[in-house]
Structures are given as C-alpha cells and as structure tokens.
C-alpha cells in the first residue's frame, strides 16, 4: 500500500544533520565544512552521510521519502515547516529550501536506483 506524502517524515531523513544527533564530532565538522547552498557540496554531503542510511532502509520507506519530496515540489510548498525549529550543524542558513530539496530528491533517486540494482 502506498503511503500518502507527509512533510513531517523528512525530519527523520535529515536527522543526521540535527544538533540533537550528538554522536560524532568528525561528522559535525564535516557537515559544518560544506556550503549547503552549493549544489555540488550539498550532493557531497548527502553522498557521504545520507546515502549509507538511506540505502539500508526498506524499499517502501525509501519510496515514501522520494514520493513525499516529489509531491511537495510539484506544489508551491516552501519547506519552511521541515526546518522550523530544526537546528543543524550547517554553518549557513539554507537560502533556497526548494533547491535544497531538489538536490536531495536527485540524490535519493540515485541511491534508490543503486539499492534496487544491488538486490
């Protein structure tokens, strides 16, 4: 059964970048070193930190995240609610949250295809 799109699930996907995730100072430094408003550096960040956990997820969970982002990008959603009161290790504010989500979606699509090919 296909799950309905839900913005709130994106917080769990991005928890790696939340300051409440306190377990690894090297990870924190790596996150802070990236310009998250630069698509290439953001992709490098996702490739290093989001990909390993995302690929381990079940297929339906991966697709739920992908479909949620895709659904809300097809609306006028600004993704403010995803980042509201969500403190991160990012050194900069995200200047364009829709672009951030587009980059994330491209990466998740790539990771999902890779996970499906490795089965």
N, C-alpha and C. Protein backbone atom coordinates (compact mmCIF):
# COMPACT_ATOMS: atom_id res chain seq x y z
N UNK A 1 0.83 -1.18 0.00
CA UNK A 1 0.00 0.00 0.00
C UNK A 1 0.88 1.25 0.00
N UNK A 2 0.56 2.17 -0.87
CA UNK A 2 1.33 3.40 -0.99
C UNK A 2 0.95 4.36 0.13
N UNK A 3 1.97 4.89 0.80
CA UNK A 3 1.75 5.83 1.90
C UNK A 3 1.55 7.24 1.34
N UNK A 4 0.69 8.03 1.97
CA UNK A 4 0.48 9.40 1.50
C UNK A 4 1.68 10.29 1.82
N UNK A 5 1.94 11.29 0.99
CA UNK A 5 3.05 12.20 1.27
C UNK A 5 2.84 12.94 2.58
N UNK A 6 3.92 13.09 3.34
CA UNK A 6 3.84 13.72 4.65
C UNK A 6 5.15 14.46 4.91
N UNK A 7 5.09 15.77 5.00
CA UNK A 7 6.30 16.56 5.21
C UNK A 7 7.05 16.18 6.47
N UNK A 8 6.35 15.80 7.49
CA UNK A 8 6.99 15.51 8.78
C UNK A 8 8.00 14.36 8.70
N UNK A 9 7.87 13.47 7.74
CA UNK A 9 8.82 12.35 7.64
C UNK A 9 10.21 12.81 7.19
N UNK A 10 10.29 14.00 6.62
CA UNK A 10 11.57 14.48 6.13
C UNK A 10 12.53 14.83 7.26
N UNK A 11 11.98 15.16 8.41
CA UNK A 11 12.84 15.46 9.57
C UNK A 11 13.65 14.23 9.96
N UNK A 12 13.05 13.07 9.91
CA UNK A 12 13.81 11.86 10.27
C UNK A 12 14.90 11.59 9.24
N UNK A 13 14.62 11.87 8.00
CA UNK A 13 15.61 11.69 6.94
C UNK A 13 16.80 12.63 7.14
N UNK A 14 16.53 13.81 7.66
CA UNK A 14 17.57 14.83 7.85
C UNK A 14 18.15 14.85 9.26
N UNK A 15 17.78 13.89 10.10
CA UNK A 15 18.22 13.89 11.49
C UNK A 15 19.75 13.86 11.62
N UNK A 16 20.42 13.27 10.68
CA UNK A 16 21.89 13.22 10.68
C UNK A 16 22.48 14.61 10.87
N UNK A 17 21.80 15.62 10.37
CA UNK A 17 22.32 16.99 10.36
C UNK A 17 21.85 17.82 11.55
N UNK A 18 21.04 17.22 12.40
CA UNK A 18 20.46 17.91 13.55
C UNK A 18 21.44 17.93 14.72
N UNK A 19 21.49 19.05 15.43
CA UNK A 19 22.42 19.13 16.57
C UNK A 19 22.04 18.20 17.72
N UNK A 20 20.84 17.68 17.70
CA UNK A 20 20.45 16.69 18.72
C UNK A 20 21.11 15.34 18.47
N UNK A 21 21.66 15.16 17.29
CA UNK A 21 22.39 13.94 16.93
C UNK A 21 23.85 14.18 17.29
N UNK A 22 24.23 13.80 18.50
CA UNK A 22 25.49 14.23 19.11
C UNK A 22 26.64 13.23 19.06
N UNK A 23 26.56 12.20 18.29
CA UNK A 23 27.49 11.09 18.49
C UNK A 23 28.84 11.16 17.78
N UNK A 24 29.10 12.14 16.93
CA UNK A 24 30.32 12.06 16.14
C UNK A 24 30.85 13.45 15.80
N UNK A 25 31.92 13.86 16.47
CA UNK A 25 32.45 15.21 16.24
C UNK A 25 33.04 15.37 14.84
N UNK A 26 33.63 14.30 14.29
CA UNK A 26 34.15 14.38 12.92
C UNK A 26 33.03 14.63 11.92
N UNK A 27 31.89 13.97 12.13
CA UNK A 27 30.72 14.18 11.26
C UNK A 27 30.25 15.62 11.37
N UNK A 28 30.21 16.14 12.58
CA UNK A 28 29.76 17.51 12.81
C UNK A 28 30.67 18.50 12.09
N UNK A 29 31.97 18.29 12.16
CA UNK A 29 32.94 19.16 11.48
C UNK A 29 32.76 19.05 9.97
N UNK A 30 32.56 17.83 9.47
CA UNK A 30 32.36 17.62 8.04
C UNK A 30 31.12 18.37 7.56
N UNK A 31 30.03 18.26 8.30
CA UNK A 31 28.79 18.95 7.93
C UNK A 31 29.03 20.46 7.89
N UNK A 32 29.65 20.98 8.92
CA UNK A 32 29.87 22.43 9.01
C UNK A 32 30.82 22.93 7.93
N UNK A 33 31.65 22.06 7.39
CA UNK A 33 32.62 22.47 6.37
C UNK A 33 31.99 22.67 4.99
N UNK A 34 30.79 22.18 4.80
CA UNK A 34 30.15 22.23 3.48
C UNK A 34 29.27 23.47 3.32
N UNK A 35 29.32 24.04 2.13
CA UNK A 35 28.42 25.13 1.78
C UNK A 35 27.12 24.49 1.29
N UNK A 36 26.12 24.49 2.12
CA UNK A 36 24.87 23.80 1.79
C UNK A 36 24.04 24.54 0.76
N UNK A 37 24.49 25.72 0.35
CA UNK A 37 23.81 26.45 -0.71
C UNK A 37 24.50 26.26 -2.05
N UNK A 38 25.45 25.35 -2.07
CA UNK A 38 26.16 24.98 -3.30
C UNK A 38 25.74 23.54 -3.62
N UNK A 39 25.11 23.34 -4.77
CA UNK A 39 24.57 22.02 -5.12
C UNK A 39 25.63 20.92 -5.09
N UNK A 40 26.83 21.22 -5.56
CA UNK A 40 27.88 20.20 -5.59
C UNK A 40 28.29 19.80 -4.18
N UNK A 41 28.50 20.77 -3.31
CA UNK A 41 28.90 20.45 -1.93
C UNK A 41 27.77 19.78 -1.17
N UNK A 42 26.54 20.19 -1.44
CA UNK A 42 25.39 19.56 -0.80
C UNK A 42 25.28 18.10 -1.24
N UNK A 43 25.51 17.84 -2.50
CA UNK A 43 25.49 16.46 -3.01
C UNK A 43 26.58 15.64 -2.34
N UNK A 44 27.78 16.22 -2.18
CA UNK A 44 28.87 15.51 -1.50
C UNK A 44 28.46 15.16 -0.06
N UNK A 45 27.79 16.09 0.59
CA UNK A 45 27.33 15.86 1.96
C UNK A 45 26.32 14.71 1.99
N UNK A 46 25.34 14.75 1.10
CA UNK A 46 24.34 13.69 1.06
C UNK A 46 24.97 12.34 0.69
N UNK A 47 25.91 12.37 -0.26
CA UNK A 47 26.57 11.11 -0.68
C UNK A 47 27.30 10.46 0.49
N UNK A 48 27.89 11.28 1.33
CA UNK A 48 28.68 10.76 2.44
C UNK A 48 27.81 10.35 3.63
N UNK A 49 26.81 11.17 3.97
CA UNK A 49 26.08 10.94 5.21
C UNK A 49 24.66 10.42 5.06
N UNK A 50 23.98 10.77 4.01
CA UNK A 50 22.59 10.33 3.84
C UNK A 50 22.52 8.98 3.13
N UNK A 51 23.34 8.81 2.12
CA UNK A 51 23.29 7.59 1.30
C UNK A 51 23.39 6.29 2.09
N UNK A 52 24.39 6.14 2.99
CA UNK A 52 24.53 4.84 3.67
C UNK A 52 23.27 4.43 4.45
N UNK A 53 22.67 5.36 5.15
CA UNK A 53 21.46 5.04 5.93
C UNK A 53 20.26 4.84 5.01
N UNK A 54 20.16 5.66 3.99
CA UNK A 54 19.02 5.58 3.08
C UNK A 54 18.99 4.24 2.36
N UNK A 55 20.13 3.78 1.92
CA UNK A 55 20.20 2.50 1.19
C UNK A 55 19.80 1.33 2.09
N UNK A 56 20.07 1.46 3.40
CA UNK A 56 19.70 0.40 4.35
C UNK A 56 18.19 0.35 4.60
N UNK A 57 17.48 1.43 4.28
CA UNK A 57 16.04 1.48 4.53
C UNK A 57 15.29 0.50 3.64
N UNK A 58 14.12 0.14 4.08
CA UNK A 58 13.26 -0.72 3.27
C UNK A 58 12.79 0.04 2.03
N UNK A 59 12.52 -0.71 0.99
CA UNK A 59 12.12 -0.12 -0.29
C UNK A 59 10.92 0.82 -0.12
N UNK A 60 9.90 0.41 0.61
CA UNK A 60 8.72 1.25 0.74
C UNK A 60 9.01 2.54 1.50
N UNK A 61 9.94 2.50 2.45
CA UNK A 61 10.33 3.72 3.17
C UNK A 61 11.11 4.66 2.27
N UNK A 62 12.02 4.08 1.47
CA UNK A 62 12.78 4.92 0.53
C UNK A 62 11.83 5.60 -0.44
N UNK A 63 10.89 4.84 -0.96
CA UNK A 63 9.94 5.41 -1.93
C UNK A 63 9.01 6.43 -1.28
N UNK A 64 8.67 6.24 -0.02
CA UNK A 64 7.82 7.21 0.68
C UNK A 64 8.53 8.55 0.78
N UNK A 65 9.81 8.53 1.14
CA UNK A 65 10.58 9.78 1.20
C UNK A 65 10.67 10.44 -0.18
N UNK A 66 11.00 9.67 -1.18
CA UNK A 66 11.12 10.19 -2.54
C UNK A 66 9.79 10.76 -3.01
N UNK A 67 8.72 10.00 -2.84
CA UNK A 67 7.41 10.45 -3.31
C UNK A 67 6.92 11.68 -2.54
N UNK A 68 7.27 11.76 -1.27
CA UNK A 68 6.88 12.94 -0.48
C UNK A 68 7.57 14.19 -1.02
N UNK A 69 8.87 14.11 -1.22
CA UNK A 69 9.58 15.29 -1.73
C UNK A 69 9.06 15.65 -3.12
N UNK A 70 8.92 14.66 -3.97
CA UNK A 70 8.44 14.92 -5.34
C UNK A 70 7.04 15.56 -5.30
N UNK A 71 6.16 15.03 -4.47
CA UNK A 71 4.80 15.57 -4.37
C UNK A 71 4.83 17.05 -3.98
N UNK A 72 5.60 17.37 -2.93
CA UNK A 72 5.59 18.75 -2.44
C UNK A 72 6.37 19.71 -3.34
N UNK A 73 7.32 19.20 -4.11
CA UNK A 73 7.99 20.05 -5.10
C UNK A 73 7.03 20.40 -6.24
N UNK A 74 6.03 19.57 -6.46
CA UNK A 74 5.04 19.84 -7.50
C UNK A 74 3.93 20.78 -7.02
N UNK A 75 4.06 21.27 -5.80
CA UNK A 75 3.13 22.26 -5.26
C UNK A 75 3.93 23.53 -5.02
N UNK A 76 3.34 24.47 -4.33
CA UNK A 76 4.08 25.70 -4.01
C UNK A 76 4.71 25.64 -2.62
N UNK A 77 4.88 24.44 -2.10
CA UNK A 77 5.47 24.24 -0.76
C UNK A 77 6.85 24.87 -0.69
N UNK A 78 7.12 25.58 0.41
CA UNK A 78 8.43 26.21 0.58
C UNK A 78 9.34 25.44 1.55
N UNK A 79 8.83 24.39 2.16
CA UNK A 79 9.57 23.50 3.06
C UNK A 79 10.02 24.18 4.35
N UNK A 80 9.46 25.32 4.66
CA UNK A 80 9.78 26.00 5.92
C UNK A 80 9.45 25.11 7.12
N UNK A 81 8.34 24.39 7.04
CA UNK A 81 7.92 23.58 8.18
C UNK A 81 8.90 22.44 8.47
N UNK A 82 9.64 22.00 7.48
CA UNK A 82 10.62 20.94 7.68
C UNK A 82 11.77 21.44 8.54
N UNK A 83 12.14 22.68 8.33
CA UNK A 83 13.31 23.23 9.01
C UNK A 83 12.97 24.12 10.20
N UNK A 84 11.70 24.35 10.44
CA UNK A 84 11.28 25.19 11.55
C UNK A 84 11.68 24.52 12.87
N UNK A 85 12.41 25.24 13.70
CA UNK A 85 12.91 24.73 14.98
C UNK A 85 13.74 23.46 14.81
N UNK A 86 14.44 23.37 13.70
CA UNK A 86 15.30 22.23 13.40
C UNK A 86 16.72 22.77 13.32
N UNK A 87 17.44 22.70 14.43
CA UNK A 87 18.80 23.24 14.50
C UNK A 87 19.78 22.24 13.92
N UNK A 88 20.60 22.73 13.02
CA UNK A 88 21.53 21.86 12.32
C UNK A 88 22.98 22.29 12.55
N UNK A 89 23.89 21.44 12.08
CA UNK A 89 25.31 21.75 12.10
C UNK A 89 25.71 22.61 10.91
N UNK A 90 24.78 22.95 10.04
CA UNK A 90 25.10 23.77 8.88
C UNK A 90 25.61 25.12 9.35
N UNK A 91 26.68 25.60 8.73
CA UNK A 91 27.22 26.91 9.08
C UNK A 91 26.36 28.05 8.54
N UNK A 92 25.65 27.79 7.45
CA UNK A 92 24.85 28.83 6.80
C UNK A 92 23.37 28.47 6.87
N UNK A 93 22.56 29.49 6.72
CA UNK A 93 21.13 29.27 6.55
C UNK A 93 20.91 28.72 5.14
N UNK A 94 19.92 27.88 4.98
CA UNK A 94 19.57 27.40 3.65
C UNK A 94 18.84 28.54 2.96
N UNK A 95 19.41 29.05 1.88
CA UNK A 95 18.82 30.21 1.22
C UNK A 95 17.63 29.84 0.33
N UNK A 96 17.65 28.65 -0.22
CA UNK A 96 16.56 28.20 -1.09
C UNK A 96 16.21 26.76 -0.69
N UNK A 97 15.23 26.63 0.15
CA UNK A 97 14.85 25.31 0.67
C UNK A 97 14.29 24.40 -0.42
N UNK A 98 13.64 24.98 -1.41
CA UNK A 98 13.14 24.15 -2.53
C UNK A 98 14.32 23.56 -3.32
N UNK A 99 15.35 24.36 -3.55
CA UNK A 99 16.52 23.85 -4.26
C UNK A 99 17.23 22.79 -3.42
N UNK A 100 17.33 23.00 -2.13
CA UNK A 100 17.89 22.01 -1.22
C UNK A 100 17.14 20.68 -1.41
N UNK A 101 15.81 20.74 -1.43
CA UNK A 101 15.00 19.52 -1.58
C UNK A 101 15.14 18.91 -2.97
N UNK A 102 15.32 19.74 -3.99
CA UNK A 102 15.54 19.21 -5.35
C UNK A 102 16.84 18.41 -5.39
N UNK A 103 17.88 18.96 -4.78
CA UNK A 103 19.17 18.26 -4.74
C UNK A 103 19.01 16.96 -3.95
N UNK A 104 18.33 17.03 -2.82
CA UNK A 104 18.09 15.83 -2.01
C UNK A 104 17.31 14.80 -2.81
N UNK A 105 16.28 15.21 -3.51
CA UNK A 105 15.49 14.28 -4.32
C UNK A 105 16.34 13.62 -5.40
N UNK A 106 17.15 14.40 -6.09
CA UNK A 106 18.02 13.81 -7.12
C UNK A 106 18.93 12.75 -6.51
N UNK A 107 19.48 13.06 -5.35
CA UNK A 107 20.36 12.10 -4.67
C UNK A 107 19.59 10.85 -4.25
N UNK A 108 18.42 11.04 -3.65
CA UNK A 108 17.63 9.88 -3.19
C UNK A 108 17.22 8.99 -4.35
N UNK A 109 16.85 9.61 -5.48
CA UNK A 109 16.51 8.81 -6.67
C UNK A 109 17.71 7.96 -7.09
N UNK A 110 18.88 8.55 -7.08
CA UNK A 110 20.12 7.85 -7.46
C UNK A 110 20.40 6.72 -6.47
N UNK A 111 20.28 7.00 -5.17
CA UNK A 111 20.54 5.98 -4.15
C UNK A 111 19.54 4.84 -4.24
N UNK A 112 18.28 5.18 -4.48
CA UNK A 112 17.24 4.16 -4.58
C UNK A 112 17.51 3.24 -5.77
N UNK A 113 17.88 3.83 -6.90
CA UNK A 113 18.20 3.03 -8.09
C UNK A 113 19.38 2.10 -7.80
N UNK A 114 20.36 2.62 -7.09
CA UNK A 114 21.52 1.81 -6.74
C UNK A 114 21.12 0.66 -5.81
N UNK A 115 20.27 0.95 -4.83
CA UNK A 115 19.82 -0.09 -3.90
C UNK A 115 19.03 -1.17 -4.64
N UNK A 116 18.22 -0.76 -5.60
CA UNK A 116 17.43 -1.73 -6.37
C UNK A 116 18.33 -2.58 -7.25
N UNK A 117 19.37 -1.99 -7.80
CA UNK A 117 20.30 -2.75 -8.67
C UNK A 117 21.16 -3.72 -7.87
N UNK A 118 21.37 -3.42 -6.60
CA UNK A 118 22.22 -4.27 -5.76
C UNK A 118 21.45 -5.41 -5.12
N UNK A 119 20.18 -5.52 -5.38
CA UNK A 119 19.37 -6.58 -4.76
C UNK A 119 19.50 -7.85 -5.53
